[in-house]
Amino acid sequence: CSAEPLSNTSAFLLDGGSHLLLQVGKDAPPDLLDEVLAQSHADPTKPQELSEGSDLGGKVACMLKEMRHDLPFYAPLQIYISGGNGPEERRLLSLLIEDKTKHEISYVDYLCAVHRRIQQKMA
């Protein structure tokens, strides 16, 4: 996963292993907010809950059910509004392994480096 598809106007669902994260952009269209969160505007100060009463909310709930299907435990869903740089957003960004960080290379660059080392040892 990479941070490239993240946008303040959309939603992003990520499996974090022990929990599921749903990031909803702070500038998401009101119809997206209404269908997913049953709210007309993004309020990062309020606790967020998934709305299963709409078509899109039901589809998200179905995706969550499928993601949890083979897990030996219940993975809770954490919903938050992006743009606040809070702990949830930092946690999501730390799970995006394809991006390079201040202290580490990207996962793709890491795999290329491992591949080069293997080729050097075999030559």
Foldseek 3Di string as FASTA:
>chain_A
DACVVDDLAAWDWDDPPQAIEIEHHQNHQQVRCCQFFVGRGADQVDATDGDCPHPVSVVVVVVQCVVCVPDPDRHYYGYGYPDPPDPSVVSVNVSRQQPADPVGHGPVVVVVVVVVVVVVVVD
